[in-house]
Structure formats: structure tokens, C-alpha cells
Protein backbone atom coordinates (compact mmCIF):
# COMPACT_ATOMS: atom_id res chain seq x y z
CA MET A 1 115.04 10.11 139.11
CA THR A 2 115.78 13.61 140.66
CA SER A 3 115.41 13.69 144.46
CA ALA A 4 113.19 16.94 145.80
CA ALA A 5 115.64 19.77 147.23
CA ALA A 6 115.42 19.50 150.93
CA VAL A 7 113.44 22.41 152.81
CA GLY A 8 114.73 23.24 156.25
CA PRO A 9 112.31 23.97 158.89
CA ILE A 10 112.68 28.04 158.70
CA SER A 11 112.41 28.24 155.39
CA SER A 12 109.04 25.75 155.18
CA ALA A 13 107.91 28.09 157.75
CA VAL A 14 108.52 31.33 155.94
CA VAL A 15 106.63 29.30 152.76
CA ASP A 16 103.74 28.80 154.83
CA ARG A 17 103.24 32.23 156.15
CA PRO A 18 101.52 35.19 154.11
CA PRO A 19 103.76 37.97 152.49
CA PHE A 20 104.17 41.50 153.27
CA GLY A 21 102.47 42.51 150.09
CA PRO A 22 100.72 46.20 150.12
CA ILE A 23 101.14 48.19 153.41
CA GLU A 24 97.30 49.00 153.00
CA ARG A 25 95.15 47.06 150.00
CA LEU A 26 92.84 49.44 148.83
CA ALA A 27 89.82 48.61 146.06
CA HIS A 28 89.63 50.41 142.78
CA ASP A 29 87.35 53.78 143.80
CA ARG A 30 89.95 54.35 146.52
CA LEU A 31 92.66 53.82 144.64
CA VAL A 32 91.71 56.16 141.84
CA ALA A 33 90.38 58.77 144.76
CA GLU A 34 93.58 58.63 146.65
CA GLN A 35 95.94 58.92 143.25
CA ARG A 36 93.94 62.06 142.53
CA ALA A 37 94.71 63.37 145.94
CA SER A 38 98.31 62.60 145.39
CA ALA A 39 98.57 64.62 141.91
CA ALA A 40 96.56 67.49 143.47
CA SER A 41 98.95 67.88 146.51
CA PRO A 42 102.06 69.88 146.98
CA ARG A 43 105.46 68.51 146.67
CA ARG A 44 108.17 68.50 149.88
CA SER A 45 110.55 71.15 149.87
CA TYR A 46 113.38 68.51 148.73
CA SER A 47 116.57 68.74 150.76
CA LEU A 48 120.00 69.35 148.43
CA SER A 49 120.75 65.75 148.62
CA ALA A 50 117.32 64.72 147.18
CA ARG A 51 117.54 67.02 144.66
CA ALA A 52 121.24 66.05 143.55
CA LEU A 53 119.71 62.34 143.41
CA PHE A 54 116.49 63.21 141.18
CA THR A 55 118.70 65.19 138.86
CA ILE A 56 121.29 62.34 138.57
CA MET A 57 118.61 59.75 137.73
CA ASP A 58 117.08 62.54 135.16
CA THR A 59 120.38 62.76 133.41
CA LEU A 60 121.19 58.97 133.58
CA TYR A 61 117.51 57.93 132.67
CA GLY A 62 115.89 60.63 130.92
CA LYS A 63 112.94 62.92 132.36
CA GLU A 64 110.52 60.45 130.56
CA ARG A 65 108.59 58.19 132.62
CA SER A 66 109.45 55.07 131.59
CA LEU A 67 109.44 51.69 133.30
CA GLU A 68 112.83 51.26 133.22
CA LYS A 69 113.36 54.39 135.31
CA PHE A 70 110.89 53.23 137.79
CA ARG A 71 112.50 50.21 137.94
CA VAL A 72 116.03 51.76 139.16
CA LEU A 73 114.01 54.01 141.27
CA GLU A 74 112.69 50.94 143.21
CA LEU A 75 115.91 49.57 143.56
CA VAL A 76 117.07 52.55 145.34
CA ALA A 77 114.07 52.76 147.41
CA ARG A 78 114.98 49.86 149.50
CA VAL A 79 118.20 51.07 150.65
CA PRO A 80 117.20 53.33 153.53
CA TYR A 81 115.48 50.59 155.47
CA GLN A 82 118.42 48.12 155.18
CA ALA A 83 120.88 51.07 156.72
CA TRP A 84 118.01 51.75 159.34
CA GLU A 85 117.73 47.84 160.22
CA ASN A 86 121.55 47.64 160.55
CA VAL A 87 122.09 50.65 162.72
CA ALA A 88 119.19 49.28 165.16
CA TYR A 89 120.48 45.62 165.20
CA VAL A 90 123.72 47.31 165.97
CA ALA A 91 121.85 49.22 168.94
CA VAL A 92 120.20 46.24 170.27
CA THR A 93 123.21 44.80 171.03
CA HIS A 94 124.04 47.73 173.33
CA THR A 95 120.55 47.87 175.12
CA ALA A 96 120.33 44.49 176.29
CA ARG A 97 120.41 45.42 179.91
CA GLN A 98 117.51 48.15 179.06
CA PRO A 99 114.82 45.47 177.66
CA ASN A 100 111.95 48.06 177.08
CA PHE A 101 114.57 50.45 175.46
CA ALA A 102 115.52 47.19 173.56
CA ARG A 103 112.12 46.23 172.37
CA ARG A 104 111.49 49.97 170.95
CA VAL A 105 114.42 49.28 168.90
CA PHE A 106 113.57 46.17 167.67
CA ASN A 107 109.84 47.35 166.68
CA ARG A 108 111.90 50.10 164.28
CA VAL A 109 113.66 47.20 162.99
CA ARG A 110 110.18 45.17 162.26
CA ALA A 111 108.72 48.47 160.86
CA ALA A 112 111.82 48.74 158.34
CA ARG A 113 112.08 45.30 157.49
CA TRP A 114 108.26 45.56 156.56
CA GLU A 115 108.74 48.64 154.63
CA GLN A 116 111.88 47.07 152.98
CA ASP A 117 109.94 43.93 152.04
CA ASN A 118 107.31 46.08 150.26
CA GLU A 119 109.66 48.11 148.26
CA GLN A 120 111.20 44.53 147.01
CA TRP A 121 107.71 43.58 146.05
CA HIS A 122 107.28 46.70 144.19
CA LEU A 123 110.89 46.05 142.60
CA LEU A 124 109.83 42.82 141.70
CA ILE A 125 106.92 43.82 139.71
CA MET A 126 108.68 46.85 138.07
CA GLU A 127 111.56 44.32 136.86
CA GLU A 128 108.67 41.95 135.45
CA LEU A 129 106.85 44.93 133.28
CA ALA A 130 110.17 46.44 132.50
CA ALA A 131 111.15 43.29 130.83
CA LYS A 132 107.48 42.90 128.95
CA ARG A 133 106.72 46.65 128.07
CA ASP A 134 109.97 48.64 127.88
CA ARG A 135 112.93 48.94 125.89
CA ARG A 136 115.75 47.77 128.58
CA SER A 137 119.16 49.70 128.98
CA GLY A 138 122.32 47.96 128.30
CA PHE A 139 124.36 46.29 130.94
CA VAL A 140 125.90 49.12 132.35
CA ARG A 141 123.01 51.78 132.78
CA GLY A 142 120.53 48.71 133.33
CA ARG A 143 122.36 46.93 135.83
CA ILE A 144 125.99 48.67 136.75
CA VAL A 145 124.98 51.97 137.23
CA PRO A 146 121.53 51.49 139.53
CA GLN A 147 123.76 49.10 142.07
CA VAL A 148 125.92 52.08 142.28
CA LEU A 149 123.45 54.54 142.92
CA ALA A 150 121.84 52.21 145.52
CA PHE A 151 125.42 51.79 147.33
CA ALA A 152 125.88 55.44 147.39
CA TYR A 153 122.41 56.11 148.93
CA TYR A 154 122.63 53.16 151.41
CA GLN A 155 126.16 54.82 152.18
CA LEU A 156 124.40 58.52 152.76
CA SER A 157 121.42 56.90 154.58
CA TRP A 158 123.47 55.32 156.98
CA PHE A 159 125.35 57.85 157.43
CA MET A 160 122.87 60.48 158.52
CA TYR A 161 121.31 57.76 160.39
CA VAL A 162 124.04 57.60 162.78
CA ILE A 163 125.02 61.22 163.08
CA ARG A 164 121.41 62.57 163.20
CA PRO A 165 118.52 60.19 162.33
CA ALA A 166 115.91 63.09 161.26
CA TRP A 167 118.17 63.73 158.50
CA SER A 168 117.98 60.41 157.07
CA TYR A 169 114.19 60.15 157.78
CA ARG A 170 113.75 63.65 155.74
CA LEU A 171 115.72 62.55 153.07
CA ASN A 172 113.52 59.41 152.53
CA ALA A 173 110.74 61.43 153.19
CA ASP A 174 111.73 63.51 150.15
CA PHE A 175 112.71 60.41 147.95
CA GLU A 176 108.99 58.61 148.95
CA ASP A 177 107.21 62.24 148.19
CA HIS A 178 108.98 62.10 145.01
CA ALA A 179 107.82 58.52 144.05
CA GLU A 180 104.47 59.03 145.10
CA HIS A 181 103.96 62.15 142.73
CA GLU A 182 106.01 60.01 139.92
CA TYR A 183 103.19 57.42 140.03
CA ALA A 184 100.34 59.59 139.92
CA ALA A 185 101.70 61.39 137.06
CA LEU A 186 102.36 57.94 135.34
CA VAL A 187 99.01 56.76 135.53
CA ASP A 188 97.65 59.80 133.99
CA GLU A 189 99.87 59.85 130.83
CA HIS A 190 98.54 56.36 130.28
CA PRO A 191 95.01 55.99 130.15
CA GLU A 192 95.21 52.99 127.89
CA TRP A 193 96.43 51.27 131.20
CA GLU A 194 92.83 51.37 132.66
CA THR A 195 91.74 48.28 130.66
CA ILE A 196 94.86 45.98 130.86
CA PRO A 197 94.49 43.80 134.05
CA TYR A 198 97.51 42.72 136.01
CA ASP A 199 97.83 39.10 136.15
CA GLY A 200 101.50 38.72 136.53
CA GLU A 201 104.18 36.17 138.41
CA PHE A 202 103.70 38.36 141.81
CA THR A 203 99.48 38.26 142.08
CA GLN A 204 99.69 35.71 145.33
CA ASP A 205 102.23 38.10 146.69
CA PHE A 206 101.24 41.37 146.11
CA GLY A 207 97.43 40.96 144.76
CA SER A 208 95.46 40.99 141.65
CA TYR A 209 94.37 44.18 140.34
CA GLU A 210 91.90 45.17 137.73
CA SER A 211 94.02 47.11 135.57
CA LEU A 212 97.61 48.15 135.28
CA ALA A 213 96.42 51.47 136.38
CA ASP A 214 95.23 50.40 140.02
CA LEU A 215 98.51 48.45 140.45
CA PHE A 216 100.36 51.72 139.88
CA ARG A 217 97.98 53.84 142.12
CA GLN A 218 98.73 50.95 144.73
CA ILE A 219 102.36 51.55 144.54
CA GLY A 220 102.09 54.89 144.61
CA TYR A 221 99.66 55.01 147.67
CA ASP A 222 102.55 52.61 149.42
CA GLU A 223 104.84 55.07 148.70
CA ARG A 224 102.75 57.71 150.22
CA LEU A 225 102.79 55.86 153.45
CA HIS A 226 106.39 55.30 153.44
CA LYS A 227 106.80 59.27 153.16
CA GLU A 228 104.15 59.69 156.05
CA GLU A 229 106.09 56.91 158.25
CA SER A 230 109.29 58.89 157.77
CA GLU A 231 107.80 62.37 158.42
CA VAL A 232 106.42 60.82 161.77
CA ASN A 233 110.01 59.70 162.93
CA MET A 234 111.76 62.82 161.99
CA VAL A 235 109.89 64.24 164.79
CA ASP A 236 111.00 61.23 167.21
CA PRO A 237 113.95 59.77 165.52
CA ARG A 238 115.79 57.77 168.32
CA PHE A 239 113.41 54.76 169.16
CA VAL A 240 111.43 56.50 171.61
């Protein structure tokens, strides 16, 4: 007889807590309204670094809005939050004698972790949908190249955050603004998704949706909130 795998107390406690799914869960009518607002809104004036990243992704994966391309986008989207969390933890170790300041730093850590978790659910969902509905790239373009892009983006985000945090926040705001508009356009390009419900592996974590269109609207709205958070932090970048 095979014995059940041992589960430690921390793992057990984490399993019992609800996951961080959507940042703000919206109903259908609101999702439609917010997607239309995203589609109608002007894009940010993107920085040179952001434009270079978007050009690289278009060159490698085409300008067509494929699920595989969005999977790569979500893999890359997590890394600024990882970089900020890393820098903030270092800052916490040097502010132990300033408890109020240390708490403000740790609050930034918590926010970055939540945003990172939200992007992780986006990635898992896109992995699932791309595997079912899209033609997958080969091993190099599908696995190696995205990791190289994510590594380079992490290093750039980390470096900017150390030198001048507002630069890193601006880059992320550009990236999330791009993602918000791309998801809005993706929904418009696929009216057939309005009648296909989302009942995938992650409904308990990210919620169930009446349609794939609403799922992508929710993800696009999440990206807008990420953008707005970075825009606020651009003004007060150093743990104020």
C-alpha cells in the first residue's frame, strides 16, 4: 500500500487559504464596459526599453495575437515584481532599527508578491489554453527564448529599481498598458469566444467565467490595475 505524502504545517496552512486570484473580480456587464474603455483609451508614450521589448516579441512570435504569444507575455510579466521583492527584502535587512520605515518597505514586498501571484495565475491559464487551442512553438521558441527574455527583463528591472525606482515602475507601467490594450484587442478579434465558457483547471483559483471572452476581459482589467499601481509608485518610488 502506498502511503500518503507527508504535508508540513506551513504547506497545510497555505492550502487552506484562498489563493490570490483576480485583483478585483468583475461581473459580466462591468467586464464588457472595462474592456471597451481599455480599447478606446490611448496607449502610454512607451519608453525606448519598452518599445525594444515589444519589437523583439513581434519579431520572434509575429504581430498576430496568438495564445502562444500571450503565454510568453505573461511569463515575462511576472519578473519585475520578483525583482522589486528581491530589492525590498535587502532593504528590510538594513532598516531593522527604523521599524516604521521597515514596515513600509515590507508593505511594498506584500504588494509585489500579490501582483506576482496574480500574473502567475495569468500564466498558468495561458499555458493551459495555448496547449489546448493554439499551435505550440518548438522547444527553443516555446521554452528557451521566453526564459531568456524573462531573465533579461528581470536584470533590467532590477538594475533600474536599484539606480532609480521610478524608471523601473515606468517600464512596468508601459508593459502592463501594452498588455491591457492587447487583451482588449484579442477579445474583439474573437467574437466566437463569447459563447464558450471557461471551465479549465484553475476555476477554483481564478474563478469560473461565462465565456472565454470574459476571462480575457478580467485578465486585461488586472493588467490595467497593475499599470495604475506602477503609475502611482512612479510618483513615490522609494517606500514612502
